[in-house]
Amino acid sequence: MKKKILLGTIILTVAGLISRVIGFMYKIFLAKSMSAETMGLYQLVFPVYNVCFTLFASGIQVTVSKMIAEVKEYPAKKSALLKLSCLVSVIIATVLTIFISSNAGFVARVFVKEEAVAPGLRILSYAFPFCAVTSVINGYFYGMKKSGIPAASQLIEQTIRVGLVFIVASVYTDDGVVTCELAVLGMLAGEIASCIFNAISLAAEKKQPVQTTESVRYSGILSRFAKMSIPLTLNRFVLSLLHSFETIILPLLLVKSGNTREEALATLGILNGMTIPFLVFPSAITSSISILLLPTISEAQCKGRLSVCRQATALVLKYSFILGLACFGIFNVSGLKLCSMIFGNETSGQYLIILSFLCPMMYMSATVPSIINGLGKPLITFRNSCIINIVQIILLAVFIINFGIKGYFITMFITQFIQLYLDVYSLNHERMFKMDVKNSIIIPGLLVGLLIPIFNAILSKISGHFGGLTGICITVPAFLLFYAVLLVTVKVIRKSDFA
C-alpha cells in the first residue's frame, strides 16, 4: 500500500509541480501584463467558479473515487457508476452555465460586488460542462489508483490555458495587455482540451471488453451514489460559499479600514495573485497525497484493515509537517528576494515571510479531510470547516477594519491554530491520530530553526557578490539538502517509512 501511495504521489506531484511552474510563469506574465487592479478583478472570478464547481463536480468526484475503489473488481458496476455520475454532473453543470451566462451582470453586481467582472463570468460559465466530464473521469482514475491520466490532464489544461493567453496577448494586441476576459478565455480553452484528453483516455481504456456475468442494479448504485454525493456536495457548497464570501468581503473591508477601492483591489491582487501562489506552491505534494489517500483509506476500511489506515495516517501527517517546516525555512530565507525578483513587488515578499509561519500547520491540515472522508465521515470535515470559515469571517471583519491588512494576518494565525486543534481532535476521536511528536515535530522544528539564520547569512553574502538570483539558486537547494541530510542523520527519516 505504501508503494502504491508513494508511486501515485510521485506521479501527481511531478505533474503538479510542472503545472505550478507553468502557472507561476503565467503569474509573472500576468503581473507584468495586468495592472494590480485588473489582477484583483481577475481574482474575483474564482469565488463564482468555486461555488459552481462544488455543485457539479467537487462532491461527485470524491464519491466516484471512493465508490470506484470499493467496486473496482466489478467492471459492470464501475461502468454503471461512471455513466450515472457523468450524467448527473453534466446536467447540473449545464443548468449552471445557462443561469450564469444569462445573469452574469446580476451575479457580478449582487454576489461579487464588482459589475466589471460580468463579461469574465459569462465566458467562464461555458467551461462548466467540460469541467464536469473531466472531474468525473479523474475521480474514476483516482479510484483505480491510475494517477497518470489525471496528471497528464492537469498539464494539458495548464499548457493550453497559458499558451492561448500568451499568444493572443503577444500577437493580436498592440501593447501586450492581458484583460480579465482574455485570462478567463484561456481557462475555458484549457478545460475543453483537458476534457477531450480525458474522454479519449477513458475510451482507450475501455476498448478491451471484460467478460462478466454480474448483474447490475442501477437503482442500487444510484441510491448509494446519492447518499454519498449529496451530503458531500452540500457540505462543500456551504464551505465554498463561506470561502467565496471571505474573498469578496476582503476588498470591501480594506475600503472600510481606510483604503481606496483601487488600493483594496491592488492588495487583493498582490495577496492572491503573487503571495498565495508562492505559499501553496509546494502543496502540490500534499494535494497529491490527499487525492490518493481517500480511496486508499476507503479500501483498507472496507477490508477491515484499520491498522493500515492508522499507519498511513501517521506517515502522511509526519511528512506533511516536515514539508511545511522546510517551506517555512525557505520562505523565511528567500521570500523577500524571490518576490522582488519575480514580481518586482517587495510587498508580496513581506506578506510571504509573515504567512510562511503557517506552512507546517497548513500543510499537515491539508491531508486530514481526505483521511476523514475516506473513513466515510464527511460530516466531521464539514463541521470543522464550517467552524473555521465562520470564525475567520467574523475575525476578518473585526481585525481588518481596525488594523487593515495586518488584521488579515492576525486572523489567519488564529484560525490556523483552531483548525489544527480540530483536526487533531477529530483524528483522535476516530482513533486515527498516531504521531511521534519528538521525531515528527520537535526535532525537525529545531533543525529548521538552526538552519534559518545560517542560510540567511549565506544568501546575503552570495547575493552581495553574485546577485540575488545566483544566491537563491544556490541557497534554496542547499537548504533542502542540508535539512534532508540532518533528518536522515538523526533518524527522523527512515527507510522503513517507504518500504
Protein backbone atom coordinates (compact mmCIF):
# COMPACT_ATOMS: atom_id res chain seq x y z
CA MET A 1 0.00 0.00 0.00
CA LYS A 2 2.86 2.39 0.88
CA LYS A 3 4.43 1.80 -2.53
CA LYS A 4 1.16 2.48 -4.35
CA ILE A 5 0.62 5.73 -2.47
CA LEU A 6 4.27 6.70 -2.95
CA LEU A 7 4.26 5.97 -6.70
CA GLY A 8 0.95 7.72 -7.27
CA THR A 9 2.07 10.66 -5.16
CA ILE A 10 5.29 10.97 -7.16
CA ILE A 11 3.37 10.95 -10.47
CA LEU A 12 0.82 13.52 -9.33
CA THR A 13 3.44 15.62 -7.57
CA VAL A 14 5.71 15.79 -10.61
CA ALA A 15 2.75 16.77 -12.77
CA GLY A 16 1.55 19.19 -10.13
CA LEU A 17 4.95 20.83 -9.77
CA ILE A 18 5.39 21.14 -13.54
CA SER A 19 1.88 22.56 -13.76
CA ARG A 20 2.62 25.01 -10.97
CA VAL A 21 5.88 26.07 -12.57
CA ILE A 22 3.91 26.80 -15.75
CA GLY A 23 1.30 28.56 -13.63
CA PHE A 24 4.00 30.52 -11.86
CA MET A 25 5.48 31.72 -15.11
CA TYR A 26 1.94 32.64 -16.09
CA LYS A 27 1.53 34.65 -12.87
CA ILE A 28 4.73 36.51 -13.67
CA PHE A 29 3.45 37.21 -17.18
CA LEU A 30 0.09 38.39 -15.83
CA ALA A 31 1.76 40.57 -13.20
CA LYS A 32 3.64 42.35 -15.98
CA SER A 33 0.70 42.42 -18.42
CA MET A 34 -2.06 43.36 -15.97
CA SER A 35 -2.38 46.23 -13.55
CA ALA A 36 -2.74 45.22 -9.89
CA GLU A 37 -6.37 46.38 -10.09
CA THR A 38 -7.11 44.15 -13.11
CA MET A 39 -5.41 41.27 -11.30
CA GLY A 40 -7.76 41.92 -8.38
CA LEU A 41 -10.77 41.78 -10.72
CA TYR A 42 -9.49 38.51 -12.19
CA GLN A 43 -9.25 37.03 -8.67
CA LEU A 44 -12.93 37.86 -8.12
CA VAL A 45 -13.94 35.48 -10.91
CA PHE A 46 -12.86 32.48 -8.84
CA PRO A 47 -15.38 32.71 -5.98
CA VAL A 48 -18.21 32.16 -8.50
CA TYR A 49 -16.30 29.37 -10.23
CA ASN A 50 -15.55 27.65 -6.90
CA VAL A 51 -19.17 27.73 -5.76
CA CYS A 52 -20.42 26.32 -9.07
CA PHE A 53 -17.65 23.69 -9.16
CA THR A 54 -18.72 22.32 -5.78
CA LEU A 55 -22.24 21.83 -7.09
CA PHE A 56 -21.45 19.97 -10.30
CA ALA A 57 -18.09 18.33 -9.58
CA SER A 58 -16.37 18.50 -6.21
CA GLY A 59 -18.53 16.18 -4.10
CA ILE A 60 -19.29 13.97 -7.09
CA GLN A 61 -15.61 13.43 -7.88
CA VAL A 62 -14.86 12.37 -4.29
CA THR A 63 -17.86 10.00 -4.34
CA VAL A 64 -16.77 8.45 -7.64
CA SER A 65 -13.22 7.99 -6.35
CA LYS A 66 -14.41 6.31 -3.14
CA MET A 67 -17.03 4.07 -4.80
CA ILE A 68 -14.73 3.01 -7.66
CA ALA A 69 -12.11 1.95 -5.08
CA GLU A 70 -14.76 -0.26 -3.47
CA VAL A 71 -16.12 -1.87 -6.70
CA LYS A 72 -13.03 -1.84 -8.93
CA GLU A 73 -13.17 -5.64 -9.25
CA TYR A 74 -16.68 -5.45 -10.76
CA PRO A 75 -16.50 -4.00 -14.32
CA ALA A 76 -20.25 -3.69 -14.85
CA LYS A 77 -20.71 -1.75 -11.60
CA LYS A 78 -17.83 0.54 -12.48
CA SER A 79 -19.33 1.28 -15.88
CA ALA A 80 -22.78 1.95 -14.43
CA LEU A 81 -21.35 4.25 -11.78
CA LEU A 82 -19.35 6.18 -14.36
CA LYS A 83 -22.36 6.71 -16.62
CA LEU A 84 -24.67 7.81 -13.81
CA SER A 85 -22.19 10.17 -12.22
CA CYS A 86 -21.23 11.76 -15.54
CA LEU A 87 -24.89 12.29 -16.48
CA VAL A 88 -25.74 13.90 -13.13
CA SER A 89 -22.63 16.11 -13.16
CA VAL A 90 -23.16 17.35 -16.74
CA ILE A 91 -26.85 18.12 -16.16
CA ILE A 92 -26.05 20.25 -13.08
CA ALA A 93 -23.19 21.97 -14.91
CA THR A 94 -25.37 22.78 -17.93
CA VAL A 95 -28.08 24.31 -15.73
CA LEU A 96 -25.44 26.49 -14.04
CA THR A 97 -23.99 27.50 -17.42
CA ILE A 98 -27.41 28.69 -18.61
CA PHE A 99 -28.05 30.57 -15.36
CA ILE A 100 -24.64 32.32 -15.12
CA SER A 101 -24.40 33.19 -18.83
CA SER A 102 -27.90 34.67 -18.77
CA ASN A 103 -27.46 36.54 -15.47
CA ALA A 104 -23.75 37.41 -15.41
CA GLY A 105 -24.43 41.07 -14.68
CA PHE A 106 -26.74 40.26 -11.78
CA VAL A 107 -24.26 37.75 -10.29
CA ALA A 108 -21.36 40.20 -10.63
CA ARG A 109 -23.35 43.05 -9.12
CA VAL A 110 -25.02 41.18 -6.24
CA PHE A 111 -22.64 38.32 -5.44
CA VAL A 112 -19.19 39.67 -6.35
CA LYS A 113 -19.99 43.37 -5.83
CA GLU A 114 -17.99 44.27 -8.97
CA GLU A 115 -20.00 44.65 -12.18
CA ALA A 116 -16.80 44.81 -14.24
CA VAL A 117 -16.37 41.05 -13.66
CA ALA A 118 -19.59 40.17 -15.58
CA PRO A 119 -18.01 39.53 -19.05
CA GLY A 120 -15.44 37.21 -17.48
CA LEU A 121 -18.14 35.26 -15.62
CA ARG A 122 -20.13 34.82 -18.83
CA ILE A 123 -17.13 33.33 -20.64
CA LEU A 124 -16.20 31.13 -17.68
CA SER A 125 -19.70 29.61 -17.42
CA TYR A 126 -19.24 27.83 -20.77
CA ALA A 127 -16.43 25.77 -19.23
CA PHE A 128 -18.70 24.12 -16.64
CA PRO A 129 -19.90 21.08 -18.67
CA PHE A 130 -16.33 20.32 -19.77
CA CYS A 131 -15.13 20.61 -16.16
CA ALA A 132 -17.89 18.21 -15.12
CA VAL A 133 -16.78 15.46 -17.52
CA THR A 134 -13.13 15.95 -16.61
CA SER A 135 -13.74 15.75 -12.87
CA VAL A 136 -15.81 12.56 -13.08
CA ILE A 137 -13.22 10.80 -15.26
CA ASN A 138 -10.45 11.97 -12.94
CA GLY A 139 -12.40 10.58 -9.99
CA TYR A 140 -12.63 7.25 -11.80
CA PHE A 141 -8.88 7.08 -12.40
CA TYR A 142 -8.08 8.17 -8.83
CA GLY A 143 -10.30 5.36 -7.55
CA MET A 144 -8.47 2.92 -9.81
CA LYS A 145 -5.15 4.32 -8.49
CA LYS A 146 -4.16 5.25 -12.05
CA SER A 147 -2.92 8.75 -11.42
CA GLY A 148 -1.11 9.18 -14.76
CA ILE A 149 -4.22 10.27 -16.70
CA PRO A 150 -5.34 12.98 -14.24
CA ALA A 151 -1.73 14.16 -14.03
CA ALA A 152 -1.43 14.47 -17.81
CA SER A 153 -4.86 16.12 -17.96
CA GLN A 154 -3.71 18.73 -15.47
CA LEU A 155 -0.63 19.53 -17.54
CA ILE A 156 -2.63 19.79 -20.77
CA GLU A 157 -5.16 22.14 -19.19
CA GLN A 158 -2.45 24.41 -17.82
CA THR A 159 -0.39 24.42 -21.02
CA ILE A 160 -3.34 25.30 -23.28
CA ARG A 161 -4.58 27.97 -20.89
CA VAL A 162 -1.23 29.72 -20.63
CA GLY A 163 -0.32 29.21 -24.29
CA LEU A 164 -3.52 30.75 -25.61
CA VAL A 165 -3.34 33.84 -23.41
CA PHE A 166 0.35 34.37 -24.19
CA ILE A 167 -0.12 34.01 -27.96
CA VAL A 168 -3.19 36.24 -28.13
CA ALA A 169 -1.63 38.93 -25.93
CA SER A 170 1.70 38.84 -27.78
CA VAL A 171 0.46 38.56 -31.37
CA TYR A 172 -3.01 40.06 -31.52
CA THR A 173 -2.71 43.06 -29.18
CA ASP A 174 -0.57 46.10 -29.79
CA ASP A 175 0.62 46.67 -26.23
CA GLY A 176 0.58 43.07 -24.91
CA VAL A 177 -2.00 43.91 -22.25
CA VAL A 178 -3.99 40.97 -20.82
CA THR A 179 -7.57 41.74 -19.87
CA CYS A 180 -9.64 39.83 -17.33
CA GLU A 181 -11.76 38.44 -20.19
CA LEU A 182 -8.73 37.12 -22.08
CA ALA A 183 -7.39 35.37 -18.96
CA VAL A 184 -10.78 33.69 -18.43
CA LEU A 185 -10.92 32.69 -22.11
CA GLY A 186 -7.64 30.85 -21.53
CA MET A 187 -9.30 28.93 -18.67
CA LEU A 188 -12.14 27.91 -20.98
CA ALA A 189 -9.73 26.66 -23.68
CA GLY A 190 -7.74 24.69 -21.11
CA GLU A 191 -10.84 22.97 -19.71
CA ILE A 192 -12.03 21.98 -23.20
CA ALA A 193 -8.63 20.48 -24.07
CA SER A 194 -8.46 18.62 -20.75
CA CYS A 195 -11.96 17.22 -21.24
CA ILE A 196 -11.15 15.93 -24.74
CA PHE A 197 -7.97 14.25 -23.49
CA ASN A 198 -9.77 12.58 -20.58
CA ALA A 199 -12.58 11.32 -22.80
CA ILE A 200 -10.09 9.82 -25.26
CA SER A 201 -8.12 8.21 -22.40
CA LEU A 202 -11.26 6.64 -20.93
CA ALA A 203 -12.37 5.36 -24.34
CA ALA A 204 -8.95 3.81 -24.92
CA GLU A 205 -9.09 2.00 -21.58
CA LYS A 206 -12.50 0.57 -22.36
CA LYS A 207 -11.54 -0.81 -25.78
CA GLN A 208 -10.93 -4.30 -24.43
CA PRO A 209 -14.25 -5.81 -23.32
CA VAL A 210 -14.32 -7.65 -20.00
CA GLN A 211 -16.33 -10.85 -19.81
CA THR A 212 -18.64 -10.74 -16.82
CA THR A 213 -21.87 -12.33 -15.69
CA GLU A 214 -22.53 -9.93 -12.84
CA SER A 215 -25.92 -8.25 -12.73
CA VAL A 216 -26.17 -4.55 -12.09
CA ARG A 217 -28.99 -2.78 -10.31
CA TYR A 218 -28.82 0.83 -11.44
CA SER A 219 -31.28 1.86 -8.73
CA GLY A 220 -28.98 0.47 -6.05
CA ILE A 221 -25.93 2.24 -7.45
CA LEU A 222 -27.89 5.48 -7.85
CA SER A 223 -29.15 5.23 -4.27
CA ARG A 224 -25.67 4.72 -2.83
CA PHE A 225 -24.26 7.42 -5.10
CA ALA A 226 -26.92 9.88 -3.93
CA LYS A 227 -26.40 9.05 -0.24
CA MET A 228 -22.71 9.80 -0.55
CA SER A 229 -22.61 12.62 -3.10
CA ILE A 230 -25.49 14.78 -1.83
CA PRO A 231 -24.10 15.33 1.70
CA LEU A 232 -20.59 15.85 0.30
CA THR A 233 -21.84 18.31 -2.32
CA LEU A 234 -23.97 20.24 0.16
CA ASN A 235 -21.09 20.33 2.62
CA ARG A 236 -18.64 21.63 0.05
CA PHE A 237 -21.21 24.05 -1.35
CA VAL A 238 -21.71 25.68 2.04
CA LEU A 239 -17.95 25.79 2.63
CA SER A 240 -17.35 27.23 -0.82
CA LEU A 241 -19.97 29.92 -0.18
CA LEU A 242 -18.27 30.83 3.07
CA HIS A 243 -14.82 30.86 1.48
CA SER A 244 -16.05 32.85 -1.52
CA PHE A 245 -17.77 35.33 0.78
CA GLU A 246 -14.48 35.75 2.60
CA THR A 247 -12.68 36.54 -0.69
CA ILE A 248 -15.36 39.00 -1.74
CA ILE A 249 -15.53 40.92 1.55
CA LEU A 250 -11.75 41.28 1.84
CA PRO A 251 -11.51 44.32 -0.51
CA LEU A 252 -14.72 45.75 0.98
CA LEU A 253 -13.26 45.52 4.48
CA LEU A 254 -10.00 47.08 3.31
CA VAL A 255 -12.00 50.03 1.93
CA LYS A 256 -13.73 50.38 5.31
CA SER A 257 -10.32 50.39 7.01
CA GLY A 258 -9.32 53.49 5.02
CA ASN A 259 -8.07 52.21 1.64
CA THR A 260 -9.45 53.39 -1.68
CA ARG A 261 -11.23 50.90 -3.97
CA GLU A 262 -8.17 50.79 -6.24
CA GLU A 263 -5.83 50.18 -3.30
CA ALA A 264 -8.08 47.41 -1.94
CA LEU A 265 -8.20 45.62 -5.31
CA ALA A 266 -4.44 46.05 -5.68
CA THR A 267 -3.89 44.48 -2.25
CA LEU A 268 -6.15 41.58 -3.22
CA GLY A 269 -4.19 41.19 -6.46
CA ILE A 270 -0.85 41.15 -4.60
CA LEU A 271 -2.08 38.76 -1.93
CA ASN A 272 -3.96 36.24 -4.10
CA GLY A 273 -2.06 36.78 -7.33
CA MET A 274 1.52 36.87 -6.01
CA THR A 275 1.95 35.85 -2.36
CA ILE A 276 -0.52 32.96 -2.01
CA PRO A 277 0.73 31.16 -5.18
CA PHE A 278 4.20 31.04 -3.61
CA LEU A 279 2.78 29.88 -0.28
CA VAL A 280 0.80 26.99 -1.78
CA PHE A 281 3.31 26.05 -4.49
CA PRO A 282 4.84 23.12 -2.51
CA SER A 283 1.35 21.91 -1.55
CA ALA A 284 1.34 20.03 -4.87
CA ILE A 285 2.81 17.22 -2.76
CA THR A 286 0.16 17.29 -0.03
CA SER A 287 -2.58 17.67 -2.65
CA SER A 288 -1.33 14.55 -4.43
CA ILE A 289 -1.20 12.62 -1.15
CA SER A 290 -4.72 13.75 -0.25
CA ILE A 291 -6.18 12.69 -3.60
CA LEU A 292 -4.72 9.18 -3.35
CA LEU A 293 -5.21 8.81 0.38
CA LEU A 294 -9.02 8.89 0.24
CA PRO A 295 -9.55 5.77 -1.93
CA THR A 296 -6.69 4.00 -0.12
CA ILE A 297 -8.21 4.61 3.33
CA SER A 298 -11.66 3.71 1.99
CA GLU A 299 -10.44 0.42 0.50
CA ALA A 300 -8.49 -0.51 3.65
CA GLN A 301 -11.51 0.27 5.84
CA CYS A 302 -13.78 -1.90 3.66
CA LYS A 303 -11.38 -4.81 4.22
CA GLY A 304 -11.25 -4.19 7.97
CA ARG A 305 -7.57 -3.18 7.92
CA LEU A 306 -7.74 -0.31 10.41
CA SER A 307 -4.09 -0.75 11.41
CA VAL A 308 -3.16 0.05 7.80
CA CYS A 309 -5.27 3.22 7.99
CA ARG A 310 -3.54 4.31 11.19
CA GLN A 311 -0.10 3.62 9.77
CA ALA A 312 -0.84 5.55 6.59
CA THR A 313 -2.27 8.45 8.60
CA ALA A 314 0.79 8.67 10.86
CA LEU A 315 3.22 8.73 7.94
CA VAL A 316 1.20 11.31 6.00
CA LEU A 317 0.93 13.66 8.98
CA LYS A 318 4.64 13.30 9.78
CA TYR A 319 5.91 14.10 6.30
CA SER A 320 3.34 16.83 5.68
CA PHE A 321 4.56 18.63 8.79
CA ILE A 322 8.22 18.13 7.82
CA LEU A 323 7.47 19.55 4.36
CA GLY A 324 5.72 22.52 5.95
CA LEU A 325 8.74 23.22 8.14
CA ALA A 326 11.05 23.07 5.10
CA CYS A 327 8.84 25.59 3.24
CA PHE A 328 8.73 27.83 6.31
CA GLY A 329 12.52 27.87 6.33
CA ILE A 330 12.88 28.51 2.59
CA PHE A 331 10.33 31.34 2.53
CA ASN A 332 11.91 32.96 5.59
CA VAL A 333 15.32 32.88 4.00
CA SER A 334 14.48 33.82 0.43
CA GLY A 335 10.88 35.11 0.36
CA LEU A 336 11.68 38.80 0.05
CA LYS A 337 14.23 38.37 -2.74
CA LEU A 338 12.06 35.82 -4.59
CA CYS A 339 9.01 38.08 -4.82
CA SER A 340 11.09 41.17 -5.55
CA MET A 341 12.89 39.47 -8.43
CA ILE A 342 9.97 37.57 -9.92
CA PHE A 343 7.10 40.02 -9.48
CA GLY A 344 9.04 43.21 -8.89
CA ASN A 345 6.92 43.68 -5.79
CA GLU A 346 8.59 43.82 -2.37
CA THR A 347 5.25 43.96 -0.53
CA SER A 348 4.33 40.46 -1.72
CA GLY A 349 7.65 39.21 -0.29
CA GLN A 350 6.90 40.79 3.09
CA TYR A 351 3.49 39.09 3.07
CA LEU A 352 5.13 35.77 2.19
CA ILE A 353 7.56 35.89 5.12
CA ILE A 354 4.72 36.61 7.54
CA LEU A 355 2.44 33.87 6.17
CA SER A 356 5.29 31.31 5.98
CA PHE A 357 4.80 30.65 9.70
CA LEU A 358 1.51 28.96 8.75
CA CYS A 359 3.14 26.38 6.45
CA PRO A 360 3.73 23.50 8.94
CA MET A 361 0.18 23.61 10.29
CA MET A 362 -1.38 24.38 6.92
CA TYR A 363 0.30 21.50 5.05
CA MET A 364 -0.48 18.97 7.77
CA SER A 365 -4.12 20.05 7.98
CA ALA A 366 -4.47 19.77 4.18
CA THR A 367 -4.38 15.95 4.36
CA VAL A 368 -6.82 15.47 7.25
CA PRO A 369 -10.12 15.86 5.30
CA SER A 370 -9.12 13.03 2.94
CA ILE A 371 -8.48 10.73 5.89
CA ILE A 372 -11.83 11.56 7.50
CA ASN A 373 -13.74 11.34 4.19
CA GLY A 374 -12.02 8.04 3.42
CA LEU A 375 -13.44 6.71 6.69
CA GLY A 376 -16.90 7.74 5.47
CA LYS A 377 -17.32 10.65 7.92
CA PRO A 378 -17.79 13.73 5.71
CA LEU A 379 -19.94 15.47 8.33
CA ILE A 380 -16.88 15.78 10.59
CA THR A 381 -14.89 17.65 7.93
CA PHE A 382 -17.96 19.75 7.18
CA ARG A 383 -18.36 20.68 10.85
CA ASN A 384 -14.70 21.59 11.26
CA SER A 385 -14.55 23.61 8.06
CA CYS A 386 -17.75 25.49 8.88
CA ILE A 387 -16.38 26.46 12.29
CA ILE A 388 -13.11 27.66 10.74
CA ASN A 389 -14.76 29.66 7.94
CA ILE A 390 -17.34 31.32 10.18
CA VAL A 391 -14.72 32.24 12.79
CA GLN A 392 -12.45 33.52 10.02
CA ILE A 393 -15.12 35.76 8.51
CA ILE A 394 -16.01 37.21 11.94
CA LEU A 395 -12.36 37.84 12.83
CA LEU A 396 -11.64 39.37 9.42
CA ALA A 397 -14.50 41.83 9.91
CA VAL A 398 -13.22 42.75 13.37
CA PHE A 399 -9.47 42.91 12.71
CA ILE A 400 -9.24 44.30 9.16
CA ILE A 401 -11.48 47.28 9.89
CA ASN A 402 -9.28 48.12 12.89
CA PHE A 403 -5.82 47.07 11.68
CA GLY A 404 -6.03 46.95 7.86
CA ILE A 405 -4.08 44.18 6.14
CA LYS A 406 -2.38 43.32 9.46
CA GLY A 407 -5.80 42.18 10.62
CA TYR A 408 -5.78 39.59 7.81
CA PHE A 409 -2.54 38.10 9.12
CA ILE A 410 -3.80 38.05 12.72
CA THR A 411 -6.93 36.25 11.57
CA MET A 412 -5.00 33.66 9.57
CA PHE A 413 -2.81 32.74 12.55
CA ILE A 414 -5.73 32.39 14.96
CA THR A 415 -7.88 30.31 12.60
CA GLN A 416 -4.98 28.05 11.62
CA PHE A 417 -4.37 27.20 15.28
CA ILE A 418 -8.07 26.44 15.72
CA GLN A 419 -8.06 24.24 12.61
CA LEU A 420 -5.05 22.29 13.83
CA TYR A 421 -6.77 21.66 17.16
CA LEU A 422 -9.98 20.49 15.47
CA ASP A 423 -8.01 18.21 13.11
CA VAL A 424 -6.12 16.54 15.95
CA TYR A 425 -9.29 16.20 17.99
CA SER A 426 -11.20 14.63 15.07
CA LEU A 427 -8.46 12.13 14.22
CA ASN A 428 -8.03 11.22 17.87
CA HIS A 429 -11.79 10.70 18.21
CA GLU A 430 -11.72 8.34 15.22
CA ARG A 431 -8.66 6.60 16.75
CA MET A 432 -6.56 7.64 13.77
CA PHE A 433 -4.18 10.09 15.44
CA LYS A 434 -0.84 8.42 16.00
CA MET A 435 2.13 10.74 15.81
CA ASP A 436 5.66 10.61 17.17
CA VAL A 437 5.85 14.21 18.42
CA LYS A 438 9.59 14.08 19.05
CA ASN A 439 10.59 12.85 15.57
CA SER A 440 7.75 14.47 13.62
CA ILE A 441 7.64 17.95 15.18
CA ILE A 442 10.27 18.80 17.80
CA ILE A 443 13.48 17.62 16.12
CA PRO A 444 12.57 18.84 12.58
CA GLY A 445 11.49 22.18 14.06
CA LEU A 446 14.77 22.63 15.95
CA LEU A 447 16.78 21.78 12.82
CA VAL A 448 14.92 24.36 10.72
CA GLY A 449 15.39 26.95 13.46
CA LEU A 450 19.12 26.20 13.38
CA LEU A 451 19.39 26.43 9.57
CA ILE A 452 17.43 29.67 9.01
CA PRO A 453 19.98 32.16 10.47
CA ILE A 454 22.87 30.26 8.86
CA PHE A 455 21.33 30.35 5.37
CA ASN A 456 20.15 33.93 5.82
CA ALA A 457 23.78 34.90 6.26
CA ILE A 458 24.86 32.72 3.32
CA LEU A 459 22.22 34.21 1.00
CA SER A 460 23.17 37.73 2.00
CA LYS A 461 26.85 37.08 1.30
CA ILE A 462 26.32 35.32 -2.05
CA SER A 463 23.79 37.92 -3.22
CA GLY A 464 26.23 40.69 -2.35
CA HIS A 465 28.91 39.18 -4.58
CA PHE A 466 26.98 37.45 -7.38
CA GLY A 467 23.44 38.86 -7.29
CA GLY A 468 20.11 37.73 -5.82
CA LEU A 469 19.24 35.15 -8.48
CA THR A 470 22.53 33.29 -8.05
CA GLY A 471 22.14 33.49 -4.28
CA ILE A 472 18.67 31.93 -4.36
CA CYS A 473 19.67 29.23 -6.88
CA ILE A 474 22.46 28.15 -4.55
CA THR A 475 20.84 28.73 -1.16
CA VAL A 476 17.43 27.08 -1.61
CA PRO A 477 18.69 23.69 -2.92
CA ALA A 478 21.49 23.74 -0.30
CA PHE A 479 18.95 24.42 2.47
CA LEU A 480 16.79 21.47 1.36
CA LEU A 481 19.84 19.19 1.03
CA PHE A 482 21.23 20.03 4.48
CA TYR A 483 17.77 19.71 6.04
CA ALA A 484 17.23 16.28 4.45
CA VAL A 485 20.72 15.04 5.42
CA LEU A 486 20.22 16.15 9.01
CA LEU A 487 16.82 14.44 9.19
CA VAL A 488 18.32 11.20 7.88
CA THR A 489 21.30 11.51 10.26
CA VAL A 490 19.13 11.85 13.35
CA LYS A 491 16.86 9.06 12.02
CA VAL A 492 13.74 11.17 11.63
CA ILE A 493 13.54 9.99 8.02
CA ARG A 494 13.76 6.20 7.92
CA LYS A 495 13.93 3.75 5.04
CA SER A 496 11.19 1.69 6.72
CA ASP A 497 8.73 4.56 6.22
CA PHE A 498 8.79 3.91 2.47
CA ALA A 499 9.21 0.11 2.41
